Amino acid sequence: MAVGWYSMLKMVPWADVISNAPQIADAAKKLWGNVAKRPPPGPGDAETTEAALMARSPADQLVELQSRVDECEVAITELHTQMVASTKLIETLASQNTLLVSRVEANRVLVRWLVAVVVVLAVAVVALWWGRAA
């Protein structure tokens, strides 16, 4: 199982991931800033077909249009709320991704140092062993 993870992690282009992480975080912050600053959209114009409206009296048409406008306003408000929540989540995920990438890079460097130390110690042990054997 560990071999599968290791081979998968070896295939990841870490240099690209590390170099792009700050750009992703900045883009998420800009998106969050743009969306959070916008107020919820106001009431808009509802386009209706003339055939549907002409079959009714003017009072019924007005009631129909008002109910459509009310439904659209509710839907727009809900969509705006969802969009704000989604962009906040994206910003959080991008920040966590940046932190994760920096920690993985630090661990990668540490593992390289540890491998180098182990190799040096292994060479020293082999040299000591050869020195005693001779």
N, C-alpha and C. Protein backbone atom coordinates (compact mmCIF):
# COMPACT_ATOMS: atom_id res chain seq x y z
N MET A 1 0.82 -1.19 0.00
CA MET A 1 0.00 0.00 0.00
C MET A 1 0.86 1.25 0.00
N ALA A 2 1.95 1.25 0.81
CA ALA A 2 2.82 2.41 0.88
C ALA A 2 3.55 2.62 -0.44
N VAL A 3 3.85 1.54 -1.14
CA VAL A 3 4.53 1.65 -2.42
C VAL A 3 3.63 2.37 -3.42
N GLY A 4 2.34 2.11 -3.40
CA GLY A 4 1.40 2.80 -4.29
C GLY A 4 1.38 4.29 -4.03
N TRP A 5 1.33 4.68 -2.75
CA TRP A 5 1.35 6.10 -2.41
C TRP A 5 2.66 6.73 -2.82
N TYR A 6 3.75 6.03 -2.59
CA TYR A 6 5.06 6.57 -2.92
C TYR A 6 5.18 6.79 -4.43
N SER A 7 4.76 5.80 -5.21
CA SER A 7 4.85 5.95 -6.66
C SER A 7 3.93 7.06 -7.16
N MET A 8 2.76 7.21 -6.52
CA MET A 8 1.85 8.28 -6.91
C MET A 8 2.46 9.64 -6.57
N LEU A 9 3.06 9.76 -5.40
CA LEU A 9 3.65 11.03 -5.00
C LEU A 9 4.87 11.37 -5.84
N LYS A 10 5.58 10.35 -6.33
CA LYS A 10 6.74 10.60 -7.19
C LYS A 10 6.31 11.19 -8.53
N MET A 11 5.10 10.85 -8.98
CA MET A 11 4.62 11.32 -10.27
C MET A 11 4.11 12.76 -10.24
N VAL A 12 3.88 13.30 -9.06
CA VAL A 12 3.37 14.66 -8.93
C VAL A 12 4.50 15.65 -9.26
N PRO A 13 4.24 16.60 -10.16
CA PRO A 13 5.27 17.60 -10.46
C PRO A 13 5.32 18.65 -9.34
N TRP A 14 6.08 18.36 -8.28
CA TRP A 14 6.06 19.20 -7.09
C TRP A 14 6.55 20.61 -7.37
N ALA A 15 7.49 20.75 -8.28
CA ALA A 15 7.96 22.10 -8.59
C ALA A 15 6.82 22.96 -9.13
N ASP A 16 5.99 22.37 -10.02
CA ASP A 16 4.85 23.11 -10.57
C ASP A 16 3.81 23.38 -9.49
N VAL A 17 3.55 22.39 -8.66
CA VAL A 17 2.55 22.56 -7.60
C VAL A 17 2.98 23.66 -6.64
N ILE A 18 4.24 23.64 -6.25
CA ILE A 18 4.74 24.64 -5.30
C ILE A 18 4.76 26.02 -5.92
N SER A 19 5.16 26.11 -7.18
CA SER A 19 5.23 27.43 -7.82
C SER A 19 3.84 28.01 -8.07
N ASN A 20 2.83 27.16 -8.27
CA ASN A 20 1.48 27.65 -8.56
C ASN A 20 0.62 27.86 -7.32
N ALA A 21 1.01 27.32 -6.18
CA ALA A 21 0.18 27.43 -4.97
C ALA A 21 -0.09 28.88 -4.57
N PRO A 22 0.91 29.76 -4.54
CA PRO A 22 0.61 31.16 -4.17
C PRO A 22 -0.33 31.84 -5.17
N GLN A 23 -0.20 31.52 -6.45
CA GLN A 23 -1.08 32.13 -7.45
C GLN A 23 -2.52 31.67 -7.24
N ILE A 24 -2.71 30.41 -6.88
CA ILE A 24 -4.05 29.89 -6.63
C ILE A 24 -4.65 30.58 -5.41
N ALA A 25 -3.85 30.73 -4.37
CA ALA A 25 -4.35 31.40 -3.17
C ALA A 25 -4.70 32.85 -3.45
N ASP A 26 -3.86 33.55 -4.22
CA ASP A 26 -4.16 34.94 -4.56
C ASP A 26 -5.43 35.06 -5.39
N ALA A 27 -5.59 34.14 -6.36
CA ALA A 27 -6.79 34.18 -7.19
C ALA A 27 -8.04 33.93 -6.36
N ALA A 28 -7.96 33.01 -5.41
CA ALA A 28 -9.10 32.73 -4.54
C ALA A 28 -9.43 33.95 -3.67
N LYS A 29 -8.40 34.62 -3.18
CA LYS A 29 -8.64 35.82 -2.36
C LYS A 29 -9.28 36.93 -3.19
N LYS A 30 -8.82 37.09 -4.43
CA LYS A 30 -9.42 38.11 -5.30
C LYS A 30 -10.88 37.77 -5.59
N LEU A 31 -11.15 36.49 -5.86
CA LEU A 31 -12.53 36.06 -6.12
C LEU A 31 -13.40 36.34 -4.90
N TRP A 32 -12.89 35.99 -3.72
CA TRP A 32 -13.66 36.23 -2.50
C TRP A 32 -13.89 37.72 -2.29
N GLY A 33 -12.88 38.53 -2.55
CA GLY A 33 -13.03 39.98 -2.39
C GLY A 33 -14.05 40.56 -3.35
N ASN A 34 -14.05 40.09 -4.58
CA ASN A 34 -15.01 40.59 -5.57
C ASN A 34 -16.44 40.18 -5.24
N VAL A 35 -16.63 38.95 -4.84
CA VAL A 35 -17.98 38.45 -4.58
C VAL A 35 -18.52 39.02 -3.27
N ALA A 36 -17.69 39.10 -2.25
CA ALA A 36 -18.16 39.56 -0.94
C ALA A 36 -18.55 41.03 -0.97
N LYS A 37 -17.90 41.82 -1.83
CA LYS A 37 -18.19 43.25 -1.89
C LYS A 37 -19.48 43.56 -2.65
N ARG A 38 -19.90 42.66 -3.49
CA ARG A 38 -21.11 42.91 -4.29
C ARG A 38 -22.35 42.73 -3.44
N PRO A 39 -23.28 43.67 -3.53
CA PRO A 39 -24.55 43.47 -2.81
C PRO A 39 -25.40 42.47 -3.57
N PRO A 40 -26.37 41.88 -2.90
CA PRO A 40 -27.26 40.96 -3.61
C PRO A 40 -27.96 41.71 -4.74
N PRO A 41 -28.16 41.06 -5.88
CA PRO A 41 -28.81 41.74 -7.01
C PRO A 41 -30.21 42.20 -6.64
N GLY A 42 -30.59 43.34 -7.17
CA GLY A 42 -31.92 43.88 -6.93
C GLY A 42 -32.93 43.25 -7.87
N PRO A 43 -34.16 43.72 -7.80
CA PRO A 43 -35.19 43.16 -8.68
C PRO A 43 -34.87 43.46 -10.14
N GLY A 44 -35.12 42.49 -11.00
CA GLY A 44 -34.83 42.65 -12.42
C GLY A 44 -36.10 42.64 -13.24
N ASP A 45 -35.93 42.82 -14.54
CA ASP A 45 -37.07 42.79 -15.45
C ASP A 45 -37.35 41.35 -15.86
N ALA A 46 -38.58 40.93 -15.72
CA ALA A 46 -38.96 39.57 -16.13
C ALA A 46 -39.55 39.64 -17.52
N GLU A 47 -38.97 38.85 -18.42
CA GLU A 47 -39.50 38.81 -19.78
C GLU A 47 -40.53 37.70 -19.88
N THR A 48 -41.67 38.03 -20.38
CA THR A 48 -42.72 37.03 -20.54
C THR A 48 -43.21 37.06 -21.98
N THR A 49 -43.81 35.98 -22.38
CA THR A 49 -44.35 35.94 -23.75
C THR A 49 -45.71 36.63 -23.77
N GLU A 50 -45.97 37.28 -24.87
CA GLU A 50 -47.23 38.01 -25.00
C GLU A 50 -48.42 37.07 -25.05
N ALA A 51 -48.24 35.90 -25.64
CA ALA A 51 -49.36 34.97 -25.77
C ALA A 51 -49.86 34.52 -24.41
N ALA A 52 -48.93 34.27 -23.48
CA ALA A 52 -49.32 33.81 -22.15
C ALA A 52 -50.03 34.92 -21.38
N LEU A 53 -49.57 36.15 -21.56
CA LEU A 53 -50.16 37.25 -20.82
C LEU A 53 -51.46 37.75 -21.43
N MET A 54 -51.59 37.69 -22.74
CA MET A 54 -52.78 38.22 -23.41
C MET A 54 -54.02 37.39 -23.11
N ALA A 55 -53.85 36.15 -22.70
CA ALA A 55 -55.00 35.29 -22.43
C ALA A 55 -55.65 35.65 -21.10
N ARG A 56 -55.05 36.52 -20.34
CA ARG A 56 -55.58 36.86 -19.02
C ARG A 56 -55.98 38.33 -18.97
N SER A 57 -56.71 38.65 -17.94
CA SER A 57 -57.10 40.05 -17.74
C SER A 57 -55.88 40.83 -17.23
N PRO A 58 -55.90 42.14 -17.35
CA PRO A 58 -54.75 42.94 -16.88
C PRO A 58 -54.44 42.74 -15.40
N ALA A 59 -55.45 42.58 -14.58
CA ALA A 59 -55.21 42.37 -13.14
C ALA A 59 -54.52 41.02 -12.92
N ASP A 60 -54.99 39.99 -13.65
CA ASP A 60 -54.36 38.67 -13.53
C ASP A 60 -52.92 38.70 -14.05
N GLN A 61 -52.71 39.46 -15.12
CA GLN A 61 -51.37 39.58 -15.68
C GLN A 61 -50.43 40.23 -14.67
N LEU A 62 -50.93 41.25 -14.01
CA LEU A 62 -50.12 41.95 -13.02
C LEU A 62 -49.78 41.04 -11.84
N VAL A 63 -50.75 40.28 -11.38
CA VAL A 63 -50.52 39.35 -10.28
C VAL A 63 -49.51 38.28 -10.69
N GLU A 64 -49.68 37.77 -11.92
CA GLU A 64 -48.75 36.75 -12.44
C GLU A 64 -47.33 37.29 -12.51
N LEU A 65 -47.19 38.48 -13.06
CA LEU A 65 -45.86 39.07 -13.18
C LEU A 65 -45.25 39.36 -11.81
N GLN A 66 -46.07 39.84 -10.89
CA GLN A 66 -45.55 40.13 -9.54
C GLN A 66 -45.09 38.85 -8.85
N SER A 67 -45.83 37.78 -9.01
CA SER A 67 -45.42 36.52 -8.37
C SER A 67 -44.13 36.00 -9.00
N ARG A 68 -44.00 36.17 -10.32
CA ARG A 68 -42.76 35.75 -10.99
C ARG A 68 -41.57 36.59 -10.50
N VAL A 69 -41.79 37.87 -10.37
CA VAL A 69 -40.71 38.75 -9.88
C VAL A 69 -40.32 38.36 -8.46
N ASP A 70 -41.31 38.11 -7.62
CA ASP A 70 -41.01 37.72 -6.25
C ASP A 70 -40.21 36.41 -6.20
N GLU A 71 -40.61 35.43 -7.02
CA GLU A 71 -39.89 34.16 -7.07
C GLU A 71 -38.46 34.36 -7.55
N CYS A 72 -38.29 35.21 -8.56
CA CYS A 72 -36.94 35.48 -9.08
C CYS A 72 -36.07 36.17 -8.04
N GLU A 73 -36.65 37.12 -7.30
CA GLU A 73 -35.88 37.80 -6.26
C GLU A 73 -35.43 36.84 -5.18
N VAL A 74 -36.30 35.95 -4.77
CA VAL A 74 -35.94 34.95 -3.76
C VAL A 74 -34.84 34.04 -4.28
N ALA A 75 -34.99 33.60 -5.53
CA ALA A 75 -33.99 32.71 -6.12
C ALA A 75 -32.64 33.40 -6.26
N ILE A 76 -32.65 34.66 -6.67
CA ILE A 76 -31.40 35.40 -6.83
C ILE A 76 -30.73 35.60 -5.48
N THR A 77 -31.50 35.92 -4.47
CA THR A 77 -30.93 36.10 -3.13
C THR A 77 -30.30 34.80 -2.63
N GLU A 78 -30.99 33.69 -2.84
CA GLU A 78 -30.44 32.40 -2.42
C GLU A 78 -29.18 32.06 -3.19
N LEU A 79 -29.17 32.32 -4.49
CA LEU A 79 -27.98 32.05 -5.30
C LEU A 79 -26.80 32.92 -4.87
N HIS A 80 -27.07 34.17 -4.56
CA HIS A 80 -26.00 35.05 -4.10
C HIS A 80 -25.42 34.55 -2.78
N THR A 81 -26.28 34.13 -1.87
CA THR A 81 -25.81 33.59 -0.59
C THR A 81 -24.96 32.35 -0.81
N GLN A 82 -25.41 31.48 -1.69
CA GLN A 82 -24.64 30.27 -1.99
C GLN A 82 -23.31 30.62 -2.65
N MET A 83 -23.31 31.60 -3.53
CA MET A 83 -22.08 31.99 -4.21
C MET A 83 -21.07 32.55 -3.21
N VAL A 84 -21.53 33.37 -2.28
CA VAL A 84 -20.64 33.93 -1.26
C VAL A 84 -20.06 32.80 -0.41
N ALA A 85 -20.90 31.86 0.00
CA ALA A 85 -20.42 30.74 0.80
C ALA A 85 -19.43 29.88 0.01
N SER A 86 -19.71 29.67 -1.26
CA SER A 86 -18.82 28.86 -2.09
C SER A 86 -17.47 29.53 -2.29
N THR A 87 -17.47 30.82 -2.53
CA THR A 87 -16.19 31.50 -2.73
C THR A 87 -15.39 31.57 -1.44
N LYS A 88 -16.07 31.68 -0.31
CA LYS A 88 -15.36 31.64 0.97
C LYS A 88 -14.73 30.27 1.17
N LEU A 89 -15.45 29.23 0.81
CA LEU A 89 -14.91 27.88 0.90
C LEU A 89 -13.72 27.71 -0.02
N ILE A 90 -13.81 28.25 -1.23
CA ILE A 90 -12.69 28.15 -2.18
C ILE A 90 -11.47 28.86 -1.61
N GLU A 91 -11.68 30.02 -1.01
CA GLU A 91 -10.55 30.74 -0.41
C GLU A 91 -9.92 29.92 0.71
N THR A 92 -10.75 29.32 1.55
CA THR A 92 -10.24 28.51 2.64
C THR A 92 -9.46 27.31 2.10
N LEU A 93 -10.02 26.64 1.11
CA LEU A 93 -9.34 25.49 0.52
C LEU A 93 -8.02 25.89 -0.13
N ALA A 94 -8.00 27.02 -0.80
CA ALA A 94 -6.76 27.47 -1.43
C ALA A 94 -5.70 27.79 -0.38
N SER A 95 -6.10 28.39 0.72
CA SER A 95 -5.15 28.67 1.80
C SER A 95 -4.63 27.38 2.41
N GLN A 96 -5.53 26.42 2.63
CA GLN A 96 -5.10 25.13 3.16
C GLN A 96 -4.20 24.41 2.18
N ASN A 97 -4.49 24.53 0.89
CA ASN A 97 -3.66 23.90 -0.12
C ASN A 97 -2.25 24.50 -0.10
N THR A 98 -2.16 25.82 0.04
CA THR A 98 -0.86 26.47 0.10
C THR A 98 -0.08 25.99 1.31
N LEU A 99 -0.74 25.90 2.45
CA LEU A 99 -0.09 25.42 3.66
C LEU A 99 0.35 23.97 3.50
N LEU A 100 -0.51 23.15 2.93
CA LEU A 100 -0.19 21.74 2.71
C LEU A 100 1.01 21.59 1.78
N VAL A 101 1.02 22.35 0.71
CA VAL A 101 2.13 22.26 -0.24
C VAL A 101 3.43 22.70 0.41
N SER A 102 3.39 23.75 1.20
CA SER A 102 4.62 24.20 1.86
C SER A 102 5.12 23.17 2.86
N ARG A 103 4.19 22.50 3.56
CA ARG A 103 4.61 21.46 4.51
C ARG A 103 5.15 20.23 3.78
N VAL A 104 4.54 19.88 2.68
CA VAL A 104 5.03 18.74 1.89
C VAL A 104 6.42 19.05 1.36
N GLU A 105 6.63 20.28 0.90
CA GLU A 105 7.96 20.66 0.40
C GLU A 105 8.98 20.61 1.53
N ALA A 106 8.62 21.09 2.71
CA ALA A 106 9.54 21.03 3.85
C ALA A 106 9.86 19.58 4.20
N ASN A 107 8.85 18.72 4.17
CA ASN A 107 9.09 17.30 4.45
C ASN A 107 9.96 16.66 3.39
N ARG A 108 9.77 17.06 2.13
CA ARG A 108 10.58 16.50 1.05
C ARG A 108 12.05 16.87 1.25
N VAL A 109 12.32 18.12 1.60
CA VAL A 109 13.69 18.56 1.85
C VAL A 109 14.27 17.81 3.05
N LEU A 110 13.47 17.66 4.10
CA LEU A 110 13.92 16.94 5.29
C LEU A 110 14.25 15.49 4.97
N VAL A 111 13.42 14.85 4.18
CA VAL A 111 13.67 13.46 3.81
C VAL A 111 14.96 13.35 3.00
N ARG A 112 15.20 14.30 2.12
CA ARG A 112 16.47 14.27 1.36
C ARG A 112 17.67 14.39 2.29
N TRP A 113 17.58 15.28 3.26
CA TRP A 113 18.67 15.42 4.23
C TRP A 113 18.83 14.13 5.03
N LEU A 114 17.73 13.55 5.45
CA LEU A 114 17.82 12.31 6.21
C LEU A 114 18.41 11.17 5.39
N VAL A 115 18.05 11.09 4.13
CA VAL A 115 18.63 10.07 3.25
C VAL A 115 20.14 10.29 3.13
N ALA A 116 20.54 11.54 2.97
CA ALA A 116 21.97 11.84 2.88
C ALA A 116 22.70 11.45 4.15
N VAL A 117 22.11 11.74 5.31
CA VAL A 117 22.73 11.38 6.59
C VAL A 117 22.82 9.86 6.72
N VAL A 118 21.77 9.16 6.34
CA VAL A 118 21.77 7.70 6.43
C VAL A 118 22.84 7.12 5.50
N VAL A 119 22.98 7.68 4.32
CA VAL A 119 24.01 7.19 3.38
C VAL A 119 25.40 7.43 3.97
N VAL A 120 25.63 8.60 4.54
CA VAL A 120 26.93 8.90 5.15
C VAL A 120 27.19 7.95 6.31
N LEU A 121 26.18 7.74 7.14
CA LEU A 121 26.36 6.81 8.27
C LEU A 121 26.59 5.38 7.78
N ALA A 122 25.91 4.97 6.73
CA ALA A 122 26.10 3.63 6.18
C ALA A 122 27.52 3.49 5.64
N VAL A 123 28.01 4.50 4.97
CA VAL A 123 29.39 4.46 4.47
C VAL A 123 30.37 4.39 5.64
N ALA A 124 30.11 5.16 6.70
CA ALA A 124 30.98 5.14 7.87
C ALA A 124 30.97 3.77 8.54
N VAL A 125 29.81 3.15 8.64
CA VAL A 125 29.71 1.81 9.25
C VAL A 125 30.45 0.79 8.40
N VAL A 126 30.28 0.85 7.09
CA VAL A 126 30.98 -0.08 6.20
C VAL A 126 32.49 0.15 6.30
N ALA A 127 32.92 1.41 6.36
CA ALA A 127 34.36 1.70 6.48
C ALA A 127 34.91 1.17 7.79
N LEU A 128 34.17 1.34 8.87
CA LEU A 128 34.60 0.81 10.17
C LEU A 128 34.64 -0.72 10.14
N TRP A 129 33.67 -1.31 9.51
CA TRP A 129 33.63 -2.76 9.44
C TRP A 129 34.83 -3.31 8.63
N TRP A 130 35.12 -2.64 7.51
CA TRP A 130 36.26 -3.05 6.69
C TRP A 130 37.56 -2.84 7.45
N GLY A 131 37.62 -1.76 8.23
CA GLY A 131 38.84 -1.47 9.01
C GLY A 131 39.09 -2.52 10.09
N ARG A 132 38.06 -3.01 10.70
CA ARG A 132 38.21 -4.04 11.74
C ARG A 132 38.46 -5.41 11.12
N ALA A 133 37.87 -5.62 9.96
CA ALA A 133 38.02 -6.93 9.32
C ALA A 133 39.42 -7.09 8.75
N ALA A 134 40.06 -6.01 8.41
CA ALA A 134 41.38 -6.12 7.80
C ALA A 134 42.46 -6.20 8.79
